[in-house]
């Protein structure tokens, strides 16, 4: 399964975390000393976010997973216009408490199966396909934690402070300068944009 392969590729490529990962840690890859930092604000129910994640982000994470050149930060930014996006975000943030592997699989599969759970709202049922029964039990408990809701609210406040009003919106910091991009971008264009800073 593609989402499992991506998760395995990325394991160990980000800063070391314990299985009880802090829910506010949104770093998928790299670290603060990476020459390129990409901070993505994304909505799980947004079709453009799905396309950007599946077509661009997965390739970015796969290609640059072998080093500390790119720091990639994923921010849950559910828009009010998408009624189930916040539910999906709760499960994604809660999945961090299970460990990095599970968190990555949850993010990947939420986008992969977006059309299904967006239609019927059965986010938990969809995620039960990719997580063990034990992990699903833990996830059901973790999603009830008030810290999950606070983490999402804090991320929304952060996005608002950076004038994020649509998704996907991402910020690329290179050479001390931050560029804001409020649209989908192909992997080829993004790669050409960041590669000169990685040599």
N, C-alpha and C. Protein backbone atom coordinates (compact mmCIF):
# COMPACT_ATOMS: atom_id res chain seq x y z
N UNK A 1 0.84 -1.19 0.00
CA UNK A 1 0.00 0.00 0.00
C UNK A 1 0.88 1.24 0.00
N UNK A 2 0.52 2.19 -0.85
CA UNK A 2 1.35 3.36 -1.06
C UNK A 2 1.54 4.16 0.21
N UNK A 3 0.48 4.32 1.02
CA UNK A 3 0.60 5.13 2.24
C UNK A 3 1.51 4.46 3.27
N UNK A 4 1.51 3.14 3.29
CA UNK A 4 2.40 2.44 4.22
C UNK A 4 3.86 2.59 3.78
N UNK A 5 4.09 2.52 2.47
CA UNK A 5 5.45 2.68 1.97
C UNK A 5 5.99 4.06 2.27
N UNK A 6 5.13 5.08 2.11
CA UNK A 6 5.57 6.44 2.41
C UNK A 6 5.93 6.58 3.88
N UNK A 7 5.10 6.02 4.74
CA UNK A 7 5.38 6.11 6.17
C UNK A 7 6.70 5.43 6.52
N UNK A 8 6.94 4.26 5.92
CA UNK A 8 8.18 3.55 6.20
C UNK A 8 9.39 4.31 5.68
N UNK A 9 9.23 4.96 4.52
CA UNK A 9 10.33 5.76 3.97
C UNK A 9 10.74 6.87 4.92
N UNK A 10 9.74 7.46 5.57
CA UNK A 10 10.01 8.63 6.39
C UNK A 10 10.41 8.31 7.82
N UNK A 11 10.19 7.08 8.24
CA UNK A 11 10.55 6.72 9.61
C UNK A 11 12.04 6.96 9.85
N UNK A 12 12.34 7.65 10.90
CA UNK A 12 13.73 7.89 11.25
C UNK A 12 14.35 9.06 10.53
N UNK A 13 13.60 9.71 9.63
CA UNK A 13 14.17 10.82 8.88
C UNK A 13 13.92 12.16 9.56
N UNK A 14 13.01 12.19 10.49
CA UNK A 14 12.72 13.42 11.22
C UNK A 14 13.37 13.32 12.59
N UNK A 15 13.36 14.42 13.35
CA UNK A 15 13.94 14.37 14.68
C UNK A 15 13.33 13.25 15.52
N UNK A 16 14.13 12.62 16.36
CA UNK A 16 13.65 11.50 17.16
C UNK A 16 12.50 11.94 18.06
N UNK A 17 11.45 11.11 18.08
CA UNK A 17 10.30 11.37 18.93
C UNK A 17 9.94 10.09 19.67
N UNK A 18 9.40 10.25 20.83
CA UNK A 18 8.94 9.08 21.57
C UNK A 18 7.57 8.69 21.03
N UNK A 19 7.09 7.45 21.33
CA UNK A 19 5.76 7.05 20.86
C UNK A 19 4.66 7.98 21.35
N UNK A 20 4.84 8.63 22.50
CA UNK A 20 3.84 9.57 22.99
C UNK A 20 4.12 10.96 22.48
N UNK A 21 4.20 11.11 21.17
CA UNK A 21 4.58 12.38 20.55
C UNK A 21 3.68 13.52 21.01
N UNK A 22 4.29 14.65 21.26
CA UNK A 22 3.55 15.85 21.64
C UNK A 22 2.60 16.24 20.51
N UNK A 23 1.30 16.40 20.79
CA UNK A 23 0.34 16.72 19.74
C UNK A 23 0.62 18.01 18.99
N UNK A 24 1.41 18.93 19.55
CA UNK A 24 1.64 20.19 18.83
C UNK A 24 2.86 20.12 17.92
N UNK A 25 3.57 18.99 17.90
CA UNK A 25 4.74 18.85 17.03
C UNK A 25 4.26 18.46 15.64
N UNK A 26 4.40 19.36 14.68
CA UNK A 26 3.87 19.14 13.34
C UNK A 26 4.95 18.85 12.31
N UNK A 27 6.17 18.54 12.74
CA UNK A 27 7.25 18.33 11.79
C UNK A 27 7.21 16.92 11.21
N UNK A 28 7.07 16.84 9.89
CA UNK A 28 7.07 15.55 9.20
C UNK A 28 8.48 15.12 8.83
N UNK A 29 9.36 16.07 8.58
CA UNK A 29 10.68 15.73 8.09
C UNK A 29 11.65 16.87 8.36
N UNK A 30 12.91 16.52 8.62
CA UNK A 30 13.94 17.53 8.79
C UNK A 30 13.90 18.18 10.15
N UNK A 31 14.58 19.31 10.26
CA UNK A 31 14.65 20.00 11.54
C UNK A 31 14.92 21.48 11.35
N UNK A 32 15.04 22.22 12.43
CA UNK A 32 15.18 23.67 12.36
C UNK A 32 16.45 24.14 11.64
N UNK A 33 17.46 23.29 11.53
CA UNK A 33 18.70 23.68 10.86
C UNK A 33 18.71 23.39 9.37
N UNK A 34 17.62 22.83 8.85
CA UNK A 34 17.55 22.53 7.42
C UNK A 34 17.59 23.82 6.60
N UNK A 35 18.30 23.82 5.46
CA UNK A 35 18.39 25.05 4.65
C UNK A 35 17.08 25.49 4.04
N UNK A 36 16.15 24.55 3.87
CA UNK A 36 14.83 24.88 3.32
C UNK A 36 13.77 24.44 4.31
N UNK A 37 12.84 25.33 4.60
CA UNK A 37 11.72 25.01 5.49
C UNK A 37 10.43 25.24 4.72
N UNK A 38 9.56 24.24 4.72
CA UNK A 38 8.25 24.36 4.09
C UNK A 38 7.19 24.12 5.15
N UNK A 39 6.33 25.09 5.33
CA UNK A 39 5.26 25.02 6.33
C UNK A 39 3.93 25.04 5.60
N UNK A 40 3.22 23.93 5.63
CA UNK A 40 1.97 23.78 4.88
C UNK A 40 0.77 23.86 5.81
N UNK A 41 -0.19 24.71 5.45
CA UNK A 41 -1.49 24.78 6.12
C UNK A 41 -2.49 24.09 5.19
N UNK A 42 -3.10 23.03 5.68
CA UNK A 42 -3.91 22.18 4.81
C UNK A 42 -5.19 21.71 5.49
N UNK A 43 -6.20 21.46 4.67
CA UNK A 43 -7.53 21.05 5.12
C UNK A 43 -7.80 19.67 4.50
N UNK A 44 -8.09 18.68 5.34
CA UNK A 44 -8.27 17.31 4.84
C UNK A 44 -9.45 17.15 3.89
N UNK A 45 -10.44 18.04 3.97
CA UNK A 45 -11.62 17.92 3.11
C UNK A 45 -11.51 18.77 1.84
N UNK A 46 -10.43 19.49 1.68
CA UNK A 46 -10.24 20.37 0.53
C UNK A 46 -9.70 19.57 -0.66
N UNK A 47 -10.40 19.56 -1.79
CA UNK A 47 -9.92 18.81 -2.96
C UNK A 47 -8.56 19.29 -3.47
N UNK A 48 -8.31 20.59 -3.43
CA UNK A 48 -7.01 21.09 -3.87
C UNK A 48 -5.89 20.64 -2.93
N UNK A 49 -6.20 20.57 -1.63
CA UNK A 49 -5.21 20.07 -0.67
C UNK A 49 -4.91 18.60 -0.93
N UNK A 50 -5.95 17.85 -1.26
CA UNK A 50 -5.76 16.42 -1.59
C UNK A 50 -4.81 16.28 -2.77
N UNK A 51 -5.08 17.03 -3.83
CA UNK A 51 -4.23 16.95 -5.03
C UNK A 51 -2.81 17.37 -4.71
N UNK A 52 -2.65 18.44 -3.96
CA UNK A 52 -1.31 18.93 -3.62
C UNK A 52 -0.57 17.89 -2.77
N UNK A 53 -1.26 17.31 -1.81
CA UNK A 53 -0.61 16.33 -0.95
C UNK A 53 -0.21 15.09 -1.73
N UNK A 54 -1.16 14.51 -2.47
CA UNK A 54 -0.89 13.25 -3.15
C UNK A 54 0.07 13.40 -4.33
N UNK A 55 0.00 14.52 -5.02
CA UNK A 55 0.83 14.70 -6.22
C UNK A 55 2.18 15.36 -5.92
N UNK A 56 2.22 16.23 -4.93
CA UNK A 56 3.45 17.00 -4.69
C UNK A 56 4.11 16.65 -3.36
N UNK A 57 3.35 16.71 -2.27
CA UNK A 57 3.94 16.50 -0.94
C UNK A 57 4.53 15.10 -0.80
N UNK A 58 3.80 14.08 -1.24
CA UNK A 58 4.32 12.72 -1.09
C UNK A 58 5.63 12.54 -1.86
N UNK A 59 5.74 13.14 -3.02
CA UNK A 59 6.98 13.05 -3.80
C UNK A 59 8.10 13.85 -3.13
N UNK A 60 7.74 15.00 -2.59
CA UNK A 60 8.72 15.82 -1.88
C UNK A 60 9.28 15.06 -0.68
N UNK A 61 8.41 14.47 0.11
CA UNK A 61 8.84 13.74 1.30
C UNK A 61 9.67 12.52 0.92
N UNK A 62 9.29 11.85 -0.14
CA UNK A 62 10.02 10.68 -0.57
C UNK A 62 11.41 11.05 -1.10
N UNK A 63 11.49 12.07 -1.93
CA UNK A 63 12.76 12.43 -2.57
C UNK A 63 13.76 13.04 -1.60
N UNK A 64 13.26 13.80 -0.61
CA UNK A 64 14.17 14.49 0.29
C UNK A 64 14.24 13.84 1.68
N UNK A 65 13.70 12.62 1.80
CA UNK A 65 13.66 11.95 3.10
C UNK A 65 15.04 11.49 3.57
N UNK A 66 16.01 11.39 2.65
CA UNK A 66 17.30 10.83 2.98
C UNK A 66 18.25 11.75 3.72
N UNK A 67 17.88 12.96 4.01
CA UNK A 67 18.79 13.87 4.70
C UNK A 67 18.05 14.93 5.48
N UNK A 68 18.79 15.93 5.89
CA UNK A 68 18.22 17.01 6.69
C UNK A 68 18.14 18.31 5.88
N UNK A 69 18.00 18.17 4.56
CA UNK A 69 18.02 19.35 3.71
C UNK A 69 16.72 20.14 3.77
N UNK A 70 15.60 19.43 3.92
CA UNK A 70 14.29 20.09 3.90
C UNK A 70 13.55 19.78 5.19
N UNK A 71 13.09 20.83 5.84
CA UNK A 71 12.20 20.69 7.00
C UNK A 71 10.79 20.90 6.50
N UNK A 72 9.94 19.89 6.68
CA UNK A 72 8.55 20.00 6.22
C UNK A 72 7.62 19.94 7.42
N UNK A 73 6.82 20.98 7.57
CA UNK A 73 5.90 21.10 8.70
C UNK A 73 4.47 21.07 8.19
N UNK A 74 3.67 20.19 8.75
CA UNK A 74 2.27 20.03 8.34
C UNK A 74 1.37 20.64 9.40
N UNK A 75 0.54 21.59 9.00
CA UNK A 75 -0.39 22.25 9.92
C UNK A 75 -1.83 21.92 9.55
N UNK A 76 -2.57 21.39 10.50
CA UNK A 76 -4.00 21.13 10.28
C UNK A 76 -4.76 22.45 10.31
N UNK A 77 -5.40 22.79 9.20
CA UNK A 77 -6.10 24.07 9.10
C UNK A 77 -7.49 23.84 8.50
N UNK A 78 -8.40 23.22 9.29
CA UNK A 78 -9.75 22.95 8.76
C UNK A 78 -10.53 24.25 8.54
N UNK A 79 -11.09 24.36 7.34
CA UNK A 79 -11.88 25.53 7.00
C UNK A 79 -13.33 25.32 7.43
N UNK A 80 -13.99 26.41 7.81
CA UNK A 80 -15.38 26.31 8.26
C UNK A 80 -16.31 25.82 7.16
N UNK A 81 -15.96 26.07 5.91
CA UNK A 81 -16.81 25.66 4.78
C UNK A 81 -16.83 24.15 4.57
N UNK A 82 -15.90 23.44 5.21
CA UNK A 82 -15.85 21.98 5.10
C UNK A 82 -16.26 21.36 6.43
N UNK A 83 -17.50 20.90 6.55
CA UNK A 83 -18.05 20.49 7.85
C UNK A 83 -17.36 19.30 8.51
N UNK A 84 -16.69 18.44 7.75
CA UNK A 84 -16.08 17.25 8.35
C UNK A 84 -14.57 17.41 8.48
N UNK A 85 -14.03 18.50 7.97
CA UNK A 85 -12.57 18.70 8.01
C UNK A 85 -12.04 18.72 9.43
N UNK A 86 -12.79 19.32 10.34
CA UNK A 86 -12.30 19.41 11.72
C UNK A 86 -12.31 18.04 12.39
N UNK A 87 -13.30 17.22 12.06
CA UNK A 87 -13.33 15.85 12.60
C UNK A 87 -12.09 15.09 12.13
N UNK A 88 -11.78 15.21 10.84
CA UNK A 88 -10.60 14.54 10.29
C UNK A 88 -9.33 15.08 10.95
N UNK A 89 -9.27 16.38 11.18
CA UNK A 89 -8.10 16.98 11.83
C UNK A 89 -7.94 16.45 13.25
N UNK A 90 -9.05 16.26 13.96
CA UNK A 90 -8.96 15.72 15.32
C UNK A 90 -8.31 14.34 15.31
N UNK A 91 -8.74 13.49 14.38
CA UNK A 91 -8.16 12.15 14.30
C UNK A 91 -6.69 12.21 13.91
N UNK A 92 -6.34 13.12 13.00
CA UNK A 92 -4.95 13.24 12.58
C UNK A 92 -4.06 13.69 13.73
N UNK A 93 -4.50 14.69 14.47
CA UNK A 93 -3.70 15.18 15.60
C UNK A 93 -3.62 14.10 16.69
N UNK A 94 -4.73 13.43 16.94
CA UNK A 94 -4.74 12.37 17.95
C UNK A 94 -3.81 11.23 17.56
N UNK A 95 -3.66 10.97 16.27
CA UNK A 95 -2.81 9.87 15.80
C UNK A 95 -1.34 10.09 16.16
N UNK A 96 -0.95 11.33 16.43
CA UNK A 96 0.44 11.59 16.83
C UNK A 96 0.78 10.88 18.13
N UNK A 97 -0.22 10.67 18.98
CA UNK A 97 0.03 10.00 20.25
C UNK A 97 0.33 8.51 20.05
N UNK A 98 0.02 7.97 18.87
CA UNK A 98 0.28 6.56 18.58
C UNK A 98 1.72 6.34 18.12
N UNK A 99 2.34 7.38 17.59
CA UNK A 99 3.69 7.25 17.05
C UNK A 99 3.75 7.82 15.64
N UNK A 100 4.96 8.08 15.19
CA UNK A 100 5.16 8.73 13.89
C UNK A 100 4.64 7.89 12.73
N UNK A 101 4.87 6.58 12.75
CA UNK A 101 4.41 5.72 11.67
C UNK A 101 2.90 5.82 11.49
N UNK A 102 2.17 5.68 12.59
CA UNK A 102 0.71 5.74 12.52
C UNK A 102 0.22 7.11 12.08
N UNK A 103 0.86 8.16 12.59
CA UNK A 103 0.47 9.52 12.22
C UNK A 103 0.60 9.74 10.72
N UNK A 104 1.72 9.32 10.15
CA UNK A 104 1.93 9.48 8.71
C UNK A 104 0.92 8.69 7.91
N UNK A 105 0.62 7.47 8.36
CA UNK A 105 -0.37 6.67 7.63
C UNK A 105 -1.75 7.31 7.69
N UNK A 106 -2.10 7.88 8.82
CA UNK A 106 -3.41 8.53 8.96
C UNK A 106 -3.52 9.74 8.03
N UNK A 107 -2.50 10.60 8.03
CA UNK A 107 -2.52 11.76 7.14
C UNK A 107 -2.69 11.32 5.69
N UNK A 108 -1.86 10.36 5.28
CA UNK A 108 -1.86 9.90 3.90
C UNK A 108 -3.22 9.32 3.52
N UNK A 109 -3.77 8.50 4.41
CA UNK A 109 -5.02 7.82 4.06
C UNK A 109 -6.23 8.75 4.12
N UNK A 110 -6.18 9.75 4.97
CA UNK A 110 -7.28 10.72 4.99
C UNK A 110 -7.40 11.43 3.64
N UNK A 111 -6.27 11.77 3.04
CA UNK A 111 -6.32 12.37 1.71
C UNK A 111 -6.71 11.35 0.65
N UNK A 112 -6.12 10.16 0.74
CA UNK A 112 -6.39 9.13 -0.25
C UNK A 112 -7.88 8.79 -0.30
N UNK A 113 -8.54 8.72 0.86
CA UNK A 113 -9.95 8.30 0.93
C UNK A 113 -10.90 9.49 1.11
N UNK A 114 -10.45 10.69 0.78
CA UNK A 114 -11.23 11.90 1.03
C UNK A 114 -12.66 11.84 0.49
N UNK A 115 -12.83 11.36 -0.73
CA UNK A 115 -14.17 11.33 -1.34
C UNK A 115 -15.15 10.50 -0.53
N UNK A 116 -14.64 9.45 0.09
CA UNK A 116 -15.51 8.55 0.85
C UNK A 116 -15.97 9.16 2.16
N UNK A 117 -15.03 9.53 3.04
CA UNK A 117 -15.44 10.05 4.35
C UNK A 117 -16.05 11.44 4.25
N UNK A 118 -15.71 12.21 3.22
CA UNK A 118 -16.34 13.52 3.02
C UNK A 118 -17.82 13.37 2.69
N UNK A 119 -18.16 12.24 2.09
CA UNK A 119 -19.55 11.98 1.70
C UNK A 119 -20.39 11.51 2.88
N UNK A 120 -19.84 10.58 3.67
CA UNK A 120 -20.66 9.99 4.74
C UNK A 120 -20.22 10.37 6.16
N UNK A 121 -19.08 11.07 6.30
CA UNK A 121 -18.63 11.51 7.61
C UNK A 121 -18.03 10.43 8.49
N UNK A 122 -17.82 9.22 7.94
CA UNK A 122 -17.34 8.10 8.74
C UNK A 122 -15.81 8.03 8.74
N UNK A 123 -15.20 9.03 9.35
CA UNK A 123 -13.74 9.12 9.39
C UNK A 123 -13.16 7.94 10.17
N UNK A 124 -13.71 7.66 11.32
CA UNK A 124 -13.19 6.58 12.16
C UNK A 124 -13.24 5.24 11.44
N UNK A 125 -14.34 4.98 10.75
CA UNK A 125 -14.50 3.71 10.04
C UNK A 125 -13.44 3.56 8.95
N UNK A 126 -13.15 4.65 8.24
CA UNK A 126 -12.15 4.62 7.18
C UNK A 126 -10.76 4.33 7.77
N UNK A 127 -10.43 4.98 8.88
CA UNK A 127 -9.11 4.80 9.47
C UNK A 127 -8.92 3.41 10.07
N UNK A 128 -10.02 2.75 10.41
CA UNK A 128 -9.90 1.40 10.98
C UNK A 128 -9.32 0.41 9.98
N UNK A 129 -9.31 0.76 8.69
CA UNK A 129 -8.73 -0.11 7.66
C UNK A 129 -7.21 -0.15 7.70
N UNK A 130 -6.60 0.91 8.21
CA UNK A 130 -5.13 1.00 8.14
C UNK A 130 -4.45 0.93 9.50
N UNK A 131 -5.24 0.91 10.57
CA UNK A 131 -4.67 0.83 11.91
C UNK A 131 -5.10 -0.48 12.57
N UNK A 132 -4.25 -1.00 13.43
CA UNK A 132 -4.60 -2.22 14.15
C UNK A 132 -5.76 -1.93 15.11
N UNK A 133 -6.42 -2.99 15.56
CA UNK A 133 -7.52 -2.83 16.51
C UNK A 133 -7.03 -2.15 17.78
N UNK A 134 -5.81 -2.50 18.20
CA UNK A 134 -5.24 -1.89 19.41
C UNK A 134 -5.02 -0.39 19.21
N UNK A 135 -4.45 -0.01 18.05
CA UNK A 135 -4.22 1.41 17.78
C UNK A 135 -5.54 2.17 17.63
N UNK A 136 -6.54 1.52 17.04
CA UNK A 136 -7.84 2.19 16.91
C UNK A 136 -8.45 2.46 18.28
N UNK A 137 -8.30 1.51 19.20
CA UNK A 137 -8.79 1.72 20.56
C UNK A 137 -8.11 2.91 21.22
N UNK A 138 -6.80 2.99 21.04
CA UNK A 138 -6.05 4.12 21.59
C UNK A 138 -6.45 5.43 20.93
N UNK A 139 -6.68 5.37 19.62
CA UNK A 139 -7.06 6.57 18.89
C UNK A 139 -8.42 7.10 19.34
N UNK A 140 -9.36 6.20 19.56
CA UNK A 140 -10.69 6.62 20.02
C UNK A 140 -10.61 7.34 21.36
N UNK A 141 -9.71 6.89 22.22
CA UNK A 141 -9.53 7.56 23.50
C UNK A 141 -8.78 8.88 23.34
N UNK A 142 -7.74 8.87 22.51
CA UNK A 142 -6.92 10.06 22.33
C UNK A 142 -7.70 11.22 21.74
N UNK A 143 -8.64 10.91 20.84
CA UNK A 143 -9.38 11.97 20.16
C UNK A 143 -10.31 12.72 21.11
N UNK A 144 -10.57 12.13 22.27
CA UNK A 144 -11.42 12.79 23.28
C UNK A 144 -10.64 13.80 24.13
N UNK A 145 -9.33 13.77 24.04
CA UNK A 145 -8.49 14.63 24.86
C UNK A 145 -8.70 16.10 24.47
N UNK A 146 -9.04 16.98 25.43
CA UNK A 146 -9.24 18.40 25.11
C UNK A 146 -8.00 19.06 24.50
N UNK A 147 -6.82 18.49 24.74
CA UNK A 147 -5.60 19.05 24.16
C UNK A 147 -5.61 18.99 22.64
N UNK A 148 -6.36 18.02 22.08
CA UNK A 148 -6.45 17.90 20.62
C UNK A 148 -7.14 19.12 20.05
N UNK A 149 -8.27 19.48 20.64
CA UNK A 149 -9.02 20.65 20.16
C UNK A 149 -8.19 21.92 20.32
N UNK A 150 -7.47 22.02 21.43
CA UNK A 150 -6.63 23.20 21.65
C UNK A 150 -5.52 23.28 20.61
N UNK A 151 -4.92 22.13 20.28
CA UNK A 151 -3.85 22.11 19.28
C UNK A 151 -4.37 22.60 17.93
N UNK A 152 -5.57 22.18 17.55
CA UNK A 152 -6.16 22.63 16.28
C UNK A 152 -6.45 24.12 16.34
N UNK A 153 -7.03 24.57 17.44
CA UNK A 153 -7.32 26.01 17.58
C UNK A 153 -6.05 26.85 17.53
N UNK A 154 -4.99 26.35 18.16
CA UNK A 154 -3.72 27.07 18.15
C UNK A 154 -3.15 27.16 16.74
N UNK A 155 -3.30 26.08 15.97
CA UNK A 155 -2.81 26.09 14.60
C UNK A 155 -3.63 27.03 13.73
N UNK A 156 -4.93 27.05 13.93
CA UNK A 156 -5.78 27.98 13.18
C UNK A 156 -5.40 29.42 13.52
N UNK A 157 -5.14 29.68 14.80
CA UNK A 157 -4.71 31.03 15.20
C UNK A 157 -3.38 31.39 14.56
N UNK A 158 -2.47 30.43 14.49
CA UNK A 158 -1.18 30.66 13.84
C UNK A 158 -1.39 30.99 12.36
N UNK A 159 -2.24 30.21 11.70
CA UNK A 159 -2.54 30.47 10.29
C UNK A 159 -3.17 31.83 10.09
N UNK A 160 -4.10 32.18 10.95
CA UNK A 160 -4.74 33.50 10.85
C UNK A 160 -3.72 34.62 11.01
N UNK A 161 -2.75 34.41 11.91
CA UNK A 161 -1.73 35.44 12.13
C UNK A 161 -0.82 35.60 10.90
N UNK A 162 -0.80 34.55 10.06
CA UNK A 162 0.01 34.60 8.84
C UNK A 162 -0.87 34.86 7.61
N UNK A 163 -2.11 35.31 7.87
CA UNK A 163 -3.07 35.65 6.81
C UNK A 163 -3.41 34.48 5.90
N UNK A 164 -3.47 33.27 6.47
CA UNK A 164 -3.93 32.11 5.71
C UNK A 164 -5.45 32.17 5.65
N UNK A 165 -6.00 32.25 4.46
CA UNK A 165 -7.46 32.28 4.32
C UNK A 165 -7.97 31.31 3.27
N UNK A 166 -7.08 30.49 2.73
CA UNK A 166 -7.47 29.44 1.79
C UNK A 166 -6.44 28.32 1.91
N UNK A 167 -6.83 27.16 1.40
CA UNK A 167 -5.91 26.01 1.44
C UNK A 167 -5.83 25.38 0.05
N UNK A 168 -4.70 24.80 -0.29
CA UNK A 168 -3.47 24.79 0.50
C UNK A 168 -2.75 26.13 0.45
N UNK A 169 -2.20 26.53 1.56
CA UNK A 169 -1.28 27.67 1.62
C UNK A 169 -0.01 27.18 2.30
N UNK A 170 1.13 27.47 1.68
CA UNK A 170 2.38 27.07 2.30
C UNK A 170 3.40 28.19 2.21
N UNK A 171 4.34 28.12 3.14
CA UNK A 171 5.40 29.12 3.26
C UNK A 171 6.73 28.40 3.07
N UNK A 172 7.53 28.92 2.16
CA UNK A 172 8.85 28.35 1.91
C UNK A 172 9.89 29.35 2.39
N UNK A 173 10.73 28.93 3.33
CA UNK A 173 11.79 29.79 3.85
C UNK A 173 13.13 29.27 3.36
N UNK A 174 13.84 30.12 2.62
CA UNK A 174 15.15 29.77 2.06
C UNK A 174 16.02 31.02 2.09
N UNK A 175 17.27 30.85 2.47
CA UNK A 175 18.18 31.98 2.48
C UNK A 175 17.71 33.14 3.34
N UNK A 176 16.98 32.81 4.39
CA UNK A 176 16.49 33.85 5.30
C UNK A 176 15.26 34.58 4.84
N UNK A 177 14.71 34.20 3.68
CA UNK A 177 13.51 34.86 3.15
C UNK A 177 12.36 33.87 3.09
N UNK A 178 11.17 34.36 3.42
CA UNK A 178 9.97 33.53 3.40
C UNK A 178 9.08 33.93 2.23
N UNK A 179 8.68 32.92 1.45
CA UNK A 179 7.76 33.13 0.33
C UNK A 179 6.44 32.46 0.65
N UNK A 180 5.34 33.17 0.39
CA UNK A 180 4.00 32.62 0.63
C UNK A 180 3.40 32.15 -0.69
N UNK A 181 2.86 30.94 -0.70
CA UNK A 181 2.22 30.39 -1.90
C UNK A 181 0.83 29.92 -1.49
N UNK A 182 -0.21 30.52 -2.06
CA UNK A 182 -1.58 30.18 -1.70
C UNK A 182 -2.26 29.47 -2.87
N UNK A 183 -1.69 28.34 -3.27
CA UNK A 183 -2.27 27.55 -4.35
C UNK A 183 -1.57 26.21 -4.44
N UNK A 184 -2.14 25.34 -5.25
CA UNK A 184 -1.50 24.07 -5.54
C UNK A 184 -0.26 24.35 -6.37
N UNK A 185 0.76 23.51 -6.25
CA UNK A 185 1.97 23.66 -7.04
C UNK A 185 2.48 22.28 -7.40
N UNK A 186 2.88 22.08 -8.63
CA UNK A 186 3.39 20.77 -9.04
C UNK A 186 4.72 20.49 -8.36
N UNK A 187 5.04 19.21 -8.25
CA UNK A 187 6.31 18.82 -7.64
C UNK A 187 7.48 19.37 -8.45
N UNK A 188 7.37 19.32 -9.77
CA UNK A 188 8.48 19.78 -10.62
C UNK A 188 8.78 21.26 -10.37
N UNK A 189 7.75 22.08 -10.24
CA UNK A 189 7.94 23.51 -10.01
C UNK A 189 8.53 23.74 -8.63
N UNK A 190 8.00 23.05 -7.62
CA UNK A 190 8.51 23.22 -6.25
C UNK A 190 9.96 22.76 -6.16
N UNK A 191 10.28 21.65 -6.80
CA UNK A 191 11.65 21.14 -6.78
C UNK A 191 12.61 22.13 -7.42
N UNK A 192 12.21 22.69 -8.55
CA UNK A 192 13.07 23.68 -9.22
C UNK A 192 13.25 24.93 -8.37
N UNK A 193 12.24 25.23 -7.56
CA UNK A 193 12.26 26.40 -6.70
C UNK A 193 13.24 26.22 -5.54
N UNK A 194 13.28 25.02 -4.95
CA UNK A 194 14.08 24.83 -3.73
C UNK A 194 15.48 24.26 -3.98
N UNK A 195 15.65 23.51 -5.06
CA UNK A 195 16.94 22.83 -5.28
C UNK A 195 18.17 23.76 -5.28
N UNK A 196 18.09 24.96 -5.86
CA UNK A 196 19.28 25.82 -5.82
C UNK A 196 19.77 26.13 -4.41
N UNK A 197 18.90 26.04 -3.42
CA UNK A 197 19.29 26.33 -2.03
C UNK A 197 19.84 25.12 -1.31
N UNK A 198 19.83 23.96 -2.00
CA UNK A 198 20.26 22.73 -1.35
C UNK A 198 21.64 22.28 -1.81
N UNK A 199 22.32 23.07 -2.63
CA UNK A 199 23.63 22.70 -3.16
C UNK A 199 24.74 23.33 -2.34
